[in-house]
N, C-alpha and C. Protein backbone atom coordinates (compact mmCIF):
# COMPACT_ATOMS: atom_id res chain seq x y z
N UNK A 1 -68.63 -154.90 33.77
CA UNK A 1 -67.39 -155.65 34.01
C UNK A 1 -67.63 -157.12 33.68
N UNK A 2 -66.77 -157.72 32.83
CA UNK A 2 -66.95 -159.11 32.43
C UNK A 2 -66.63 -160.05 33.58
N UNK A 3 -67.06 -161.32 33.42
CA UNK A 3 -66.80 -162.31 34.45
C UNK A 3 -65.31 -162.52 34.63
N UNK A 4 -64.55 -162.47 33.49
CA UNK A 4 -63.11 -162.68 33.58
C UNK A 4 -62.44 -161.58 34.40
N UNK A 5 -62.85 -160.33 34.17
CA UNK A 5 -62.26 -159.22 34.90
C UNK A 5 -62.60 -159.31 36.37
N UNK A 6 -63.87 -159.65 36.65
CA UNK A 6 -64.27 -159.78 38.06
C UNK A 6 -63.51 -160.89 38.74
N UNK A 7 -63.33 -162.01 38.05
CA UNK A 7 -62.61 -163.13 38.62
C UNK A 7 -61.16 -162.76 38.88
N UNK A 8 -60.55 -162.08 37.89
CA UNK A 8 -59.17 -161.67 38.06
C UNK A 8 -59.00 -160.69 39.21
N UNK A 9 -59.94 -159.74 39.32
CA UNK A 9 -59.88 -158.77 40.40
C UNK A 9 -60.04 -159.44 41.75
N UNK A 10 -60.94 -160.40 41.81
CA UNK A 10 -61.17 -161.12 43.06
C UNK A 10 -59.94 -161.90 43.49
N UNK A 11 -59.32 -162.58 42.52
CA UNK A 11 -58.11 -163.34 42.83
C UNK A 11 -56.98 -162.41 43.27
N UNK A 12 -56.89 -161.24 42.59
CA UNK A 12 -55.86 -160.29 42.97
C UNK A 12 -56.03 -159.78 44.38
N UNK A 13 -57.27 -159.46 44.75
CA UNK A 13 -57.54 -158.98 46.10
C UNK A 13 -57.30 -160.09 47.13
N UNK A 14 -57.67 -161.32 46.78
CA UNK A 14 -57.44 -162.44 47.70
C UNK A 14 -55.96 -162.65 47.93
N UNK A 15 -55.19 -162.52 46.84
CA UNK A 15 -53.74 -162.67 46.98
C UNK A 15 -53.15 -161.57 47.87
N UNK A 16 -53.62 -160.32 47.65
CA UNK A 16 -53.12 -159.22 48.45
C UNK A 16 -53.41 -159.44 49.92
N UNK A 17 -54.61 -159.90 50.23
CA UNK A 17 -54.97 -160.17 51.62
C UNK A 17 -54.09 -161.27 52.19
N UNK A 18 -53.82 -162.30 51.36
CA UNK A 18 -52.98 -163.40 51.82
C UNK A 18 -51.58 -162.91 52.15
N UNK A 19 -51.02 -162.06 51.29
CA UNK A 19 -49.67 -161.54 51.53
C UNK A 19 -49.64 -160.70 52.79
N UNK A 20 -50.66 -159.86 52.98
CA UNK A 20 -50.69 -159.01 54.17
C UNK A 20 -50.79 -159.83 55.43
N UNK A 21 -51.66 -160.83 55.44
CA UNK A 21 -51.82 -161.67 56.62
C UNK A 21 -50.56 -162.46 56.89
N UNK A 22 -50.01 -163.05 55.81
CA UNK A 22 -48.80 -163.87 55.98
C UNK A 22 -47.62 -163.05 56.48
N UNK A 23 -47.45 -161.86 55.92
CA UNK A 23 -46.29 -161.05 56.28
C UNK A 23 -46.38 -160.51 57.70
N UNK A 24 -47.60 -160.43 58.25
CA UNK A 24 -47.74 -159.88 59.60
C UNK A 24 -47.89 -160.96 60.66
N UNK A 25 -47.99 -162.23 60.26
CA UNK A 25 -48.13 -163.30 61.25
C UNK A 25 -47.01 -164.31 61.09
N UNK A 26 -47.19 -165.22 60.14
CA UNK A 26 -46.23 -166.31 60.02
C UNK A 26 -44.83 -165.82 59.67
N UNK A 27 -44.76 -164.70 58.91
CA UNK A 27 -43.45 -164.24 58.50
C UNK A 27 -42.93 -163.08 59.34
N UNK A 28 -43.63 -162.74 60.40
CA UNK A 28 -43.18 -161.64 61.24
C UNK A 28 -41.88 -162.01 61.95
N UNK A 29 -40.99 -161.05 62.08
CA UNK A 29 -39.76 -161.30 62.80
C UNK A 29 -40.03 -161.46 64.29
N UNK A 30 -39.35 -162.39 64.91
CA UNK A 30 -39.52 -162.67 66.34
C UNK A 30 -38.16 -162.61 67.01
N UNK A 31 -38.09 -161.90 68.12
CA UNK A 31 -36.85 -161.82 68.89
C UNK A 31 -37.22 -161.70 70.36
N UNK A 32 -37.01 -162.77 71.10
CA UNK A 32 -37.35 -162.80 72.52
C UNK A 32 -36.07 -163.09 73.30
N UNK A 33 -35.67 -162.15 74.15
CA UNK A 33 -34.44 -162.27 74.91
C UNK A 33 -34.73 -162.49 76.39
N UNK A 34 -34.11 -163.50 76.97
CA UNK A 34 -34.18 -163.75 78.42
C UNK A 34 -32.79 -163.47 78.97
N UNK A 35 -32.66 -162.49 79.85
CA UNK A 35 -31.35 -162.03 80.29
C UNK A 35 -31.02 -160.72 79.60
N UNK A 36 -29.80 -160.22 79.78
CA UNK A 36 -29.52 -158.88 79.27
C UNK A 36 -28.18 -158.72 78.56
N UNK A 37 -27.51 -159.78 78.21
CA UNK A 37 -26.26 -159.70 77.43
C UNK A 37 -25.27 -158.72 78.05
N UNK A 38 -25.05 -158.87 79.35
CA UNK A 38 -24.11 -157.98 80.04
C UNK A 38 -22.85 -158.71 80.50
N UNK A 39 -22.50 -159.76 79.78
CA UNK A 39 -21.29 -160.54 80.10
C UNK A 39 -21.31 -161.08 81.53
N UNK A 40 -22.42 -161.76 81.85
CA UNK A 40 -22.57 -162.39 83.17
C UNK A 40 -22.42 -161.36 84.30
N UNK A 41 -23.08 -160.22 84.11
CA UNK A 41 -22.97 -159.18 85.12
C UNK A 41 -21.61 -158.52 85.15
N UNK A 42 -20.87 -158.63 84.03
CA UNK A 42 -19.55 -158.03 83.94
C UNK A 42 -18.43 -158.94 84.37
N UNK A 43 -18.74 -160.23 84.58
CA UNK A 43 -17.72 -161.16 85.09
C UNK A 43 -17.00 -161.93 83.99
N UNK A 44 -17.40 -161.74 82.73
CA UNK A 44 -16.73 -162.41 81.62
C UNK A 44 -16.28 -161.37 80.60
N UNK A 45 -15.27 -161.70 79.84
CA UNK A 45 -14.77 -160.78 78.83
C UNK A 45 -15.61 -160.78 77.57
N UNK A 46 -16.33 -161.87 77.31
CA UNK A 46 -17.14 -161.94 76.09
C UNK A 46 -18.20 -163.01 76.24
N UNK A 47 -19.44 -162.67 75.86
CA UNK A 47 -20.47 -163.70 75.82
C UNK A 47 -21.28 -163.62 74.54
N UNK A 48 -20.96 -162.73 73.64
CA UNK A 48 -21.69 -162.62 72.39
C UNK A 48 -21.01 -163.49 71.33
N UNK A 49 -19.72 -163.34 71.18
CA UNK A 49 -18.99 -164.18 70.24
C UNK A 49 -18.51 -165.48 70.86
N UNK A 50 -18.60 -165.57 72.17
CA UNK A 50 -18.12 -166.77 72.84
C UNK A 50 -16.62 -166.75 73.06
N UNK A 51 -16.11 -167.83 73.62
CA UNK A 51 -14.68 -168.00 73.88
C UNK A 51 -14.11 -166.90 74.77
N UNK A 52 -14.89 -166.44 75.73
CA UNK A 52 -14.41 -165.46 76.68
C UNK A 52 -13.87 -166.12 77.93
N UNK A 53 -13.35 -165.32 78.83
CA UNK A 53 -12.84 -165.80 80.11
C UNK A 53 -13.62 -165.15 81.24
N UNK A 54 -14.01 -165.95 82.23
CA UNK A 54 -14.83 -165.45 83.32
C UNK A 54 -14.04 -165.45 84.63
N UNK A 55 -14.42 -164.55 85.52
CA UNK A 55 -13.82 -164.47 86.84
C UNK A 55 -14.92 -164.58 87.88
N UNK A 56 -14.94 -165.67 88.61
CA UNK A 56 -15.97 -165.87 89.63
C UNK A 56 -15.44 -165.34 90.97
N UNK A 57 -16.23 -164.47 91.59
CA UNK A 57 -15.73 -163.71 92.74
C UNK A 57 -16.36 -164.10 94.07
N UNK A 58 -17.28 -165.05 94.06
CA UNK A 58 -17.96 -165.42 95.31
C UNK A 58 -17.04 -166.15 96.28
N UNK A 59 -17.51 -166.25 97.52
CA UNK A 59 -16.79 -167.01 98.54
C UNK A 59 -17.75 -168.01 99.18
N UNK A 60 -17.68 -169.32 98.84
CA UNK A 60 -16.80 -169.87 97.80
C UNK A 60 -17.21 -169.37 96.41
N UNK A 61 -16.37 -169.60 95.41
CA UNK A 61 -16.57 -168.99 94.09
C UNK A 61 -17.91 -169.35 93.47
N UNK A 62 -18.47 -170.54 93.83
CA UNK A 62 -19.73 -170.90 93.20
C UNK A 62 -20.92 -170.16 93.83
N UNK A 63 -20.69 -169.24 94.71
CA UNK A 63 -21.76 -168.39 95.23
C UNK A 63 -21.76 -167.01 94.58
N UNK A 64 -21.02 -166.82 93.51
CA UNK A 64 -20.99 -165.54 92.81
C UNK A 64 -22.40 -165.14 92.36
N UNK A 65 -22.81 -163.91 92.67
CA UNK A 65 -24.13 -163.41 92.31
C UNK A 65 -23.99 -162.00 91.76
N UNK A 66 -24.11 -161.87 90.43
CA UNK A 66 -23.98 -160.56 89.78
C UNK A 66 -25.31 -160.12 89.18
N UNK A 67 -26.42 -160.64 89.67
CA UNK A 67 -27.73 -160.30 89.12
C UNK A 67 -28.13 -158.88 89.50
N UNK A 68 -28.80 -158.20 88.57
CA UNK A 68 -29.32 -156.88 88.88
C UNK A 68 -30.75 -157.00 89.39
N UNK A 69 -31.39 -155.86 89.68
CA UNK A 69 -32.72 -155.88 90.29
C UNK A 69 -33.75 -156.55 89.39
N UNK A 70 -33.67 -156.30 88.08
CA UNK A 70 -34.62 -156.90 87.14
C UNK A 70 -34.47 -158.41 87.11
N UNK A 71 -33.25 -158.90 87.13
CA UNK A 71 -33.02 -160.35 87.12
C UNK A 71 -33.48 -160.99 88.42
N UNK A 72 -33.26 -160.32 89.52
CA UNK A 72 -33.70 -160.86 90.81
C UNK A 72 -35.22 -161.00 90.86
N UNK A 73 -35.93 -160.09 90.18
CA UNK A 73 -37.40 -160.10 90.21
C UNK A 73 -38.02 -160.92 89.09
N UNK A 74 -37.21 -161.42 88.17
CA UNK A 74 -37.73 -162.10 86.98
C UNK A 74 -38.36 -163.44 87.31
N UNK A 75 -39.27 -163.86 86.43
CA UNK A 75 -39.91 -165.18 86.56
C UNK A 75 -39.83 -165.97 85.25
N UNK A 76 -39.13 -165.43 84.26
CA UNK A 76 -39.04 -166.09 82.95
C UNK A 76 -37.75 -166.87 82.75
N UNK A 77 -36.94 -166.97 83.81
CA UNK A 77 -35.66 -167.67 83.71
C UNK A 77 -34.49 -166.74 83.86
N UNK A 78 -34.71 -165.42 83.68
CA UNK A 78 -33.62 -164.45 83.84
C UNK A 78 -33.11 -164.43 85.28
N UNK A 79 -33.93 -164.91 86.21
CA UNK A 79 -33.50 -164.96 87.62
C UNK A 79 -32.37 -165.96 87.83
N UNK A 80 -32.12 -166.82 86.83
CA UNK A 80 -31.04 -167.80 86.94
C UNK A 80 -29.80 -167.39 86.16
N UNK A 81 -29.81 -166.19 85.58
CA UNK A 81 -28.64 -165.71 84.85
C UNK A 81 -27.73 -164.93 85.78
N UNK A 82 -26.51 -164.72 85.34
CA UNK A 82 -25.51 -163.91 86.07
C UNK A 82 -25.24 -164.44 87.48
N UNK A 83 -25.35 -165.73 87.68
CA UNK A 83 -24.98 -166.34 88.96
C UNK A 83 -24.18 -167.61 88.69
N UNK A 84 -23.34 -167.97 89.64
CA UNK A 84 -22.52 -169.16 89.50
C UNK A 84 -22.46 -169.84 90.87
N UNK A 85 -22.85 -171.06 90.97
CA UNK A 85 -23.37 -172.00 90.00
C UNK A 85 -24.89 -171.84 89.87
N UNK A 86 -25.39 -171.85 88.63
CA UNK A 86 -26.82 -171.66 88.41
C UNK A 86 -27.64 -172.91 88.67
N UNK A 87 -26.99 -174.05 88.81
CA UNK A 87 -27.72 -175.31 88.99
C UNK A 87 -27.20 -176.07 90.22
N UNK A 88 -27.79 -175.77 91.36
CA UNK A 88 -27.52 -176.58 92.54
C UNK A 88 -26.75 -175.94 93.66
N UNK A 89 -25.73 -175.13 93.33
CA UNK A 89 -24.87 -174.62 94.38
C UNK A 89 -24.80 -173.09 94.45
N UNK A 90 -25.48 -172.43 93.54
CA UNK A 90 -25.44 -170.98 93.52
C UNK A 90 -26.50 -170.35 94.41
N UNK A 91 -26.68 -169.04 94.31
CA UNK A 91 -27.63 -168.33 95.17
C UNK A 91 -29.06 -168.83 95.09
N UNK A 92 -29.52 -169.26 93.90
CA UNK A 92 -30.91 -169.72 93.80
C UNK A 92 -31.07 -171.19 94.18
N UNK A 93 -29.99 -171.94 94.20
CA UNK A 93 -30.01 -173.37 94.58
C UNK A 93 -31.00 -174.18 93.77
N UNK A 94 -31.23 -173.81 92.51
CA UNK A 94 -32.15 -174.55 91.65
C UNK A 94 -31.43 -175.72 91.00
N UNK A 95 -32.08 -176.85 90.91
CA UNK A 95 -31.50 -178.01 90.22
C UNK A 95 -32.12 -178.21 88.84
N UNK A 96 -33.19 -177.49 88.54
CA UNK A 96 -33.83 -177.56 87.24
C UNK A 96 -34.42 -176.18 86.94
N UNK A 97 -34.10 -175.64 85.78
CA UNK A 97 -34.56 -174.29 85.45
C UNK A 97 -35.18 -174.27 84.06
N UNK A 98 -36.03 -173.26 83.83
CA UNK A 98 -36.69 -173.11 82.54
C UNK A 98 -36.55 -171.66 82.06
N UNK A 99 -36.20 -171.50 80.80
CA UNK A 99 -36.16 -170.19 80.17
C UNK A 99 -37.39 -170.09 79.26
N UNK A 100 -38.27 -169.13 79.53
CA UNK A 100 -39.56 -169.01 78.84
C UNK A 100 -39.49 -167.89 77.81
N UNK A 101 -39.84 -168.22 76.56
CA UNK A 101 -39.79 -167.26 75.47
C UNK A 101 -41.11 -167.23 74.72
N UNK A 102 -42.11 -166.50 75.23
CA UNK A 102 -43.42 -166.40 74.56
C UNK A 102 -43.31 -165.55 73.30
N UNK A 103 -44.18 -165.82 72.33
CA UNK A 103 -44.17 -165.06 71.09
C UNK A 103 -45.61 -164.92 70.59
N UNK A 104 -45.83 -164.00 69.68
CA UNK A 104 -47.13 -163.84 69.05
C UNK A 104 -47.02 -164.26 67.59
N UNK A 105 -48.15 -164.61 66.99
CA UNK A 105 -48.13 -165.08 65.62
C UNK A 105 -47.77 -166.55 65.54
N UNK A 106 -47.30 -166.95 64.37
CA UNK A 106 -46.93 -168.34 64.12
C UNK A 106 -45.43 -168.46 63.89
N UNK A 107 -44.82 -169.36 64.61
CA UNK A 107 -43.39 -169.59 64.47
C UNK A 107 -43.17 -170.62 63.35
N UNK A 108 -42.65 -170.17 62.21
CA UNK A 108 -42.41 -171.07 61.09
C UNK A 108 -40.99 -171.60 61.06
N UNK A 109 -40.10 -170.93 61.77
CA UNK A 109 -38.72 -171.37 61.94
C UNK A 109 -38.20 -170.65 63.17
N UNK A 110 -37.05 -171.05 63.63
CA UNK A 110 -36.54 -170.36 64.81
C UNK A 110 -35.22 -170.94 65.26
N UNK A 111 -34.47 -170.11 65.97
CA UNK A 111 -33.19 -170.52 66.54
C UNK A 111 -33.16 -170.09 68.00
N UNK A 112 -32.78 -171.01 68.87
CA UNK A 112 -32.57 -170.70 70.28
C UNK A 112 -31.07 -170.62 70.51
N UNK A 113 -30.61 -169.48 71.03
CA UNK A 113 -29.20 -169.26 71.29
C UNK A 113 -28.97 -169.13 72.79
N UNK A 114 -27.95 -169.80 73.29
CA UNK A 114 -27.67 -169.87 74.71
C UNK A 114 -26.24 -169.45 75.00
N UNK A 115 -26.08 -168.51 75.94
CA UNK A 115 -24.75 -168.13 76.41
C UNK A 115 -24.52 -168.81 77.75
N UNK A 116 -23.53 -169.70 77.81
CA UNK A 116 -23.31 -170.53 78.99
C UNK A 116 -21.80 -170.61 79.27
N UNK A 117 -21.45 -170.68 80.54
CA UNK A 117 -20.03 -170.73 80.91
C UNK A 117 -19.73 -171.96 81.76
N UNK A 118 -18.50 -172.44 81.62
CA UNK A 118 -17.95 -173.50 82.47
C UNK A 118 -18.44 -174.91 82.16
N UNK A 119 -18.92 -175.16 80.98
CA UNK A 119 -19.36 -176.52 80.65
C UNK A 119 -18.14 -177.45 80.59
N UNK A 120 -18.21 -178.53 81.36
CA UNK A 120 -17.15 -179.54 81.41
C UNK A 120 -17.79 -180.93 81.48
N UNK A 121 -18.49 -181.26 80.41
CA UNK A 121 -19.29 -182.48 80.41
C UNK A 121 -18.46 -183.75 80.57
N UNK A 122 -17.30 -183.81 79.94
CA UNK A 122 -16.52 -185.04 80.01
C UNK A 122 -15.94 -185.28 81.40
N UNK A 123 -15.80 -184.21 82.17
CA UNK A 123 -15.25 -184.34 83.52
C UNK A 123 -16.33 -184.58 84.57
N UNK A 124 -17.43 -183.86 84.46
CA UNK A 124 -18.46 -183.91 85.51
C UNK A 124 -19.80 -184.48 85.06
N UNK A 125 -19.92 -184.80 83.78
CA UNK A 125 -21.19 -185.29 83.26
C UNK A 125 -21.99 -184.17 82.63
N UNK A 126 -22.75 -184.51 81.60
CA UNK A 126 -23.50 -183.50 80.86
C UNK A 126 -24.81 -183.15 81.55
N UNK A 127 -25.19 -181.88 81.45
CA UNK A 127 -26.50 -181.45 81.92
C UNK A 127 -27.57 -182.02 81.01
N UNK A 128 -28.78 -182.15 81.53
CA UNK A 128 -29.92 -182.61 80.74
C UNK A 128 -30.70 -181.40 80.26
N UNK A 129 -31.06 -181.39 78.98
CA UNK A 129 -31.76 -180.23 78.43
C UNK A 129 -32.76 -180.64 77.36
N UNK A 130 -33.80 -179.83 77.21
CA UNK A 130 -34.76 -180.05 76.13
C UNK A 130 -35.39 -178.72 75.72
N UNK A 131 -35.90 -178.68 74.49
CA UNK A 131 -36.65 -177.54 73.99
C UNK A 131 -38.06 -178.01 73.72
N UNK A 132 -39.01 -177.51 74.49
CA UNK A 132 -40.41 -177.93 74.38
C UNK A 132 -40.54 -179.45 74.36
N UNK A 133 -39.78 -180.11 75.21
CA UNK A 133 -39.90 -181.54 75.37
C UNK A 133 -38.99 -182.38 74.50
N UNK A 134 -38.36 -181.78 73.51
CA UNK A 134 -37.44 -182.52 72.64
C UNK A 134 -36.02 -182.38 73.17
N UNK A 135 -35.36 -183.48 73.54
CA UNK A 135 -34.02 -183.39 74.13
C UNK A 135 -33.00 -182.75 73.20
N UNK A 136 -32.11 -181.95 73.78
CA UNK A 136 -30.96 -181.41 73.07
C UNK A 136 -29.72 -181.73 73.89
N UNK A 137 -28.55 -181.68 73.26
CA UNK A 137 -27.31 -182.02 73.95
C UNK A 137 -26.55 -180.77 74.39
N UNK A 138 -26.10 -180.81 75.64
CA UNK A 138 -25.19 -179.78 76.15
C UNK A 138 -23.87 -180.43 76.56
N UNK A 139 -23.50 -181.48 75.87
CA UNK A 139 -22.28 -182.23 76.19
C UNK A 139 -21.06 -181.55 75.60
N UNK A 140 -20.77 -180.34 76.10
CA UNK A 140 -19.64 -179.57 75.62
C UNK A 140 -18.55 -179.50 76.69
N UNK A 141 -17.34 -179.23 76.24
CA UNK A 141 -16.19 -179.21 77.14
C UNK A 141 -15.39 -177.92 76.96
N UNK A 142 -15.99 -176.81 77.35
CA UNK A 142 -15.32 -175.52 77.20
C UNK A 142 -14.25 -175.30 78.26
N UNK A 143 -14.46 -175.86 79.45
CA UNK A 143 -13.47 -175.74 80.50
C UNK A 143 -13.81 -174.67 81.53
N UNK A 144 -13.19 -174.79 82.68
CA UNK A 144 -13.42 -173.86 83.78
C UNK A 144 -13.02 -172.44 83.37
N UNK A 145 -13.87 -171.48 83.72
CA UNK A 145 -13.76 -170.04 83.43
C UNK A 145 -14.05 -169.68 81.98
N UNK A 146 -14.30 -170.64 81.10
CA UNK A 146 -14.55 -170.34 79.69
C UNK A 146 -16.04 -170.27 79.40
N UNK A 147 -16.45 -169.24 78.66
CA UNK A 147 -17.86 -169.15 78.25
C UNK A 147 -17.95 -169.36 76.74
N UNK A 148 -19.17 -169.71 76.30
CA UNK A 148 -19.38 -169.92 74.88
C UNK A 148 -20.84 -169.67 74.55
N UNK A 149 -21.13 -169.61 73.26
CA UNK A 149 -22.49 -169.38 72.77
C UNK A 149 -22.86 -170.53 71.84
N UNK A 150 -24.01 -171.14 72.09
CA UNK A 150 -24.48 -172.27 71.29
C UNK A 150 -25.86 -171.97 70.73
N UNK A 151 -26.08 -172.39 69.48
CA UNK A 151 -27.36 -172.16 68.82
C UNK A 151 -28.00 -173.49 68.43
N UNK A 152 -29.32 -173.54 68.57
CA UNK A 152 -30.09 -174.73 68.26
C UNK A 152 -31.24 -174.35 67.32
N UNK A 153 -31.20 -174.89 66.10
CA UNK A 153 -32.28 -174.65 65.15
C UNK A 153 -33.48 -175.52 65.52
N UNK A 154 -34.63 -174.90 65.63
CA UNK A 154 -35.82 -175.65 66.07
C UNK A 154 -36.23 -176.68 65.04
N UNK A 155 -36.52 -177.88 65.50
CA UNK A 155 -37.00 -178.95 64.64
C UNK A 155 -38.50 -178.81 64.40
N UNK A 156 -39.02 -179.61 63.49
CA UNK A 156 -40.46 -179.57 63.21
C UNK A 156 -41.26 -179.89 64.47
N UNK A 157 -40.81 -180.86 65.24
CA UNK A 157 -41.52 -181.23 66.47
C UNK A 157 -41.48 -180.09 67.48
N UNK A 158 -40.35 -179.42 67.58
CA UNK A 158 -40.22 -178.30 68.52
C UNK A 158 -41.08 -177.12 68.09
N UNK A 159 -41.15 -176.87 66.78
CA UNK A 159 -42.00 -175.80 66.27
C UNK A 159 -43.47 -176.08 66.54
N UNK A 160 -43.89 -177.32 66.30
CA UNK A 160 -45.29 -177.70 66.55
C UNK A 160 -45.64 -177.50 68.02
N UNK A 161 -44.79 -177.99 68.90
CA UNK A 161 -45.04 -177.87 70.33
C UNK A 161 -45.03 -176.40 70.77
N UNK A 162 -44.12 -175.62 70.20
CA UNK A 162 -44.03 -174.20 70.56
C UNK A 162 -45.27 -173.44 70.12
N UNK A 163 -45.77 -173.71 68.91
CA UNK A 163 -46.96 -173.01 68.44
C UNK A 163 -48.20 -173.39 69.24
N UNK A 164 -48.27 -174.62 69.68
CA UNK A 164 -49.39 -175.04 70.54
C UNK A 164 -49.34 -174.33 71.89
N UNK A 165 -48.13 -174.14 72.40
CA UNK A 165 -47.96 -173.52 73.72
C UNK A 165 -47.90 -172.00 73.66
N UNK A 166 -47.59 -171.45 72.48
CA UNK A 166 -47.42 -170.01 72.35
C UNK A 166 -46.11 -169.52 72.91
N UNK A 167 -45.18 -170.43 73.14
CA UNK A 167 -43.87 -170.03 73.63
C UNK A 167 -42.87 -171.16 73.41
N UNK A 168 -41.60 -170.78 73.32
CA UNK A 168 -40.51 -171.74 73.29
C UNK A 168 -39.95 -171.81 74.71
N UNK A 169 -39.79 -173.03 75.20
CA UNK A 169 -39.27 -173.24 76.55
C UNK A 169 -38.01 -174.08 76.50
N UNK A 170 -36.94 -173.53 77.03
CA UNK A 170 -35.69 -174.27 77.16
C UNK A 170 -35.57 -174.71 78.61
N UNK A 171 -35.59 -176.02 78.82
CA UNK A 171 -35.45 -176.60 80.15
C UNK A 171 -34.05 -177.19 80.32
N UNK A 172 -33.41 -176.87 81.43
CA UNK A 172 -32.07 -177.40 81.72
C UNK A 172 -32.07 -177.94 83.15
N UNK A 173 -31.60 -179.17 83.30
CA UNK A 173 -31.60 -179.82 84.61
C UNK A 173 -30.20 -180.32 84.95
N UNK A 174 -29.89 -180.28 86.23
CA UNK A 174 -28.61 -180.80 86.69
C UNK A 174 -28.55 -182.31 86.53
N UNK A 175 -29.64 -183.00 86.82
CA UNK A 175 -29.63 -184.45 86.72
C UNK A 175 -28.54 -185.06 87.57
N UNK A 176 -27.76 -185.94 86.98
CA UNK A 176 -26.65 -186.58 87.70
C UNK A 176 -25.33 -185.86 87.49
N UNK A 177 -25.37 -184.72 86.79
CA UNK A 177 -24.13 -183.99 86.51
C UNK A 177 -23.63 -183.27 87.75
N UNK A 178 -22.32 -183.20 87.88
CA UNK A 178 -21.70 -182.43 88.95
C UNK A 178 -21.08 -181.15 88.42
N UNK A 179 -21.48 -180.74 87.22
CA UNK A 179 -20.90 -179.57 86.57
C UNK A 179 -21.45 -178.27 87.15
N UNK A 180 -20.57 -177.34 87.48
CA UNK A 180 -20.96 -176.01 87.92
C UNK A 180 -20.96 -175.09 86.70
N UNK A 181 -22.07 -174.40 86.48
CA UNK A 181 -22.20 -173.59 85.26
C UNK A 181 -22.84 -172.24 85.57
N UNK A 182 -22.78 -171.36 84.58
CA UNK A 182 -23.44 -170.05 84.66
C UNK A 182 -24.09 -169.76 83.32
N UNK A 183 -25.19 -169.01 83.35
CA UNK A 183 -25.88 -168.59 82.13
C UNK A 183 -25.95 -167.06 82.11
N UNK A 184 -25.80 -166.49 80.92
CA UNK A 184 -25.98 -165.04 80.80
C UNK A 184 -27.28 -164.69 80.11
N UNK A 185 -27.58 -165.34 79.01
CA UNK A 185 -28.82 -165.04 78.31
C UNK A 185 -29.23 -166.19 77.40
N UNK A 186 -30.52 -166.19 77.07
CA UNK A 186 -31.09 -167.13 76.11
C UNK A 186 -31.96 -166.29 75.17
N UNK A 187 -31.90 -166.60 73.88
CA UNK A 187 -32.65 -165.78 72.92
C UNK A 187 -33.30 -166.65 71.86
N UNK A 188 -34.55 -166.32 71.55
CA UNK A 188 -35.28 -166.95 70.45
C UNK A 188 -35.37 -165.95 69.31
N UNK A 189 -34.97 -166.36 68.11
CA UNK A 189 -35.04 -165.47 66.96
C UNK A 189 -35.67 -166.17 65.76
N UNK A 190 -36.48 -165.41 65.05
CA UNK A 190 -36.99 -165.80 63.73
C UNK A 190 -36.89 -164.56 62.86
N UNK A 191 -35.95 -164.53 61.91
CA UNK A 191 -35.74 -163.31 61.12
C UNK A 191 -36.95 -162.97 60.26
N UNK A 192 -37.14 -161.67 60.01
CA UNK A 192 -38.15 -161.23 59.05
C UNK A 192 -37.58 -161.44 57.66
N UNK A 193 -38.36 -162.05 56.74
CA UNK A 193 -37.83 -162.26 55.39
C UNK A 193 -37.57 -160.93 54.70
N UNK A 194 -36.61 -160.92 53.80
CA UNK A 194 -36.30 -159.71 53.06
C UNK A 194 -37.49 -159.28 52.21
N UNK A 195 -37.76 -157.98 52.09
CA UNK A 195 -38.88 -157.52 51.26
C UNK A 195 -38.81 -158.05 49.85
N UNK A 196 -37.61 -158.23 49.31
CA UNK A 196 -37.47 -158.73 47.95
C UNK A 196 -38.06 -160.12 47.80
N UNK A 197 -37.99 -160.93 48.86
CA UNK A 197 -38.54 -162.28 48.80
C UNK A 197 -40.04 -162.23 48.65
N UNK A 198 -40.71 -161.38 49.46
CA UNK A 198 -42.16 -161.24 49.36
C UNK A 198 -42.55 -160.64 48.01
N UNK A 199 -41.74 -159.70 47.49
CA UNK A 199 -42.04 -159.09 46.20
C UNK A 199 -41.98 -160.12 45.10
N UNK A 200 -40.97 -160.99 45.12
CA UNK A 200 -40.88 -162.03 44.11
C UNK A 200 -42.05 -162.98 44.18
N UNK A 201 -42.47 -163.32 45.41
CA UNK A 201 -43.63 -164.19 45.57
C UNK A 201 -44.86 -163.53 45.00
N UNK A 202 -45.06 -162.26 45.31
CA UNK A 202 -46.23 -161.55 44.81
C UNK A 202 -46.22 -161.42 43.31
N UNK A 203 -45.06 -161.13 42.73
CA UNK A 203 -44.95 -160.99 41.27
C UNK A 203 -45.29 -162.30 40.58
N UNK A 204 -44.81 -163.39 41.14
CA UNK A 204 -45.09 -164.70 40.55
C UNK A 204 -46.55 -165.05 40.57
N UNK A 205 -47.21 -164.79 41.70
CA UNK A 205 -48.63 -165.12 41.80
C UNK A 205 -49.47 -164.21 40.94
N UNK A 206 -49.12 -162.93 40.85
CA UNK A 206 -49.86 -162.02 39.98
C UNK A 206 -49.70 -162.42 38.52
N UNK A 207 -48.52 -162.90 38.16
CA UNK A 207 -48.32 -163.39 36.80
C UNK A 207 -49.20 -164.58 36.50
N UNK A 208 -49.34 -165.47 37.49
CA UNK A 208 -50.19 -166.65 37.31
C UNK A 208 -51.65 -166.23 37.15
N UNK A 209 -52.07 -165.21 37.92
CA UNK A 209 -53.45 -164.71 37.80
C UNK A 209 -53.68 -164.13 36.40
N UNK A 210 -52.67 -163.38 35.88
CA UNK A 210 -52.80 -162.80 34.55
C UNK A 210 -52.92 -163.87 33.49
N UNK A 211 -52.14 -164.93 33.60
CA UNK A 211 -52.20 -166.02 32.63
C UNK A 211 -53.55 -166.69 32.67
N UNK A 212 -54.10 -166.86 33.88
CA UNK A 212 -55.42 -167.50 34.04
C UNK A 212 -56.49 -166.64 33.37
N UNK A 213 -56.34 -165.31 33.54
CA UNK A 213 -57.32 -164.40 32.97
C UNK A 213 -57.29 -164.49 31.44
N UNK A 214 -56.07 -164.50 30.84
CA UNK A 214 -55.99 -164.57 29.37
C UNK A 214 -56.56 -165.88 28.87
N UNK A 215 -56.39 -166.94 29.63
CA UNK A 215 -56.92 -168.23 29.19
C UNK A 215 -58.44 -168.22 29.16
N UNK A 216 -59.04 -167.48 30.11
CA UNK A 216 -60.48 -167.45 30.22
C UNK A 216 -61.13 -166.51 29.19
N UNK A 217 -60.34 -165.61 28.57
CA UNK A 217 -60.90 -164.65 27.62
C UNK A 217 -61.21 -165.31 26.28
């Protein structure tokens, strides 16, 4: 076997290993859900597409507790879902909460999606929130009984912090806000790239290896 053939074979094998490692780590699909997408324990008409209407049944209404057994026992933030008010006046009486979304591999991109009800920032003041230490805004005005879904694309700083920690953490605090709110779920997603994308990458690199081999002959 000539040196050119050996070199080409070595490069080809190295590329194959790189694709396999990349596709199973950095490019692996990630989906971490905190909560259970059950429309706030059945108290809202919609929490997936947003713009639903909620009915709070507690006495007083901000003591509504629709959590199931799994949520009651949770420690990742799901214990603060399906209750109203989730920050300060509800069953858990928490004034600051964290939703924990651990992942494996490397997060190269990501979106955090939050289902939240009753945001009235202009009336009662905005809640304080951050993703892995980077502040985000929850200054929305959906109104009493209205739920919505908001998505936040992770920034470079948030990705760096998340990879160092091995998890994405969404922190939400009442701060000086007097807003009563409810949460149904929080989700971290990183889609798996389409197979065609990896195939095009592989084809391009193999073509480059072939050109290098012909040059060396």
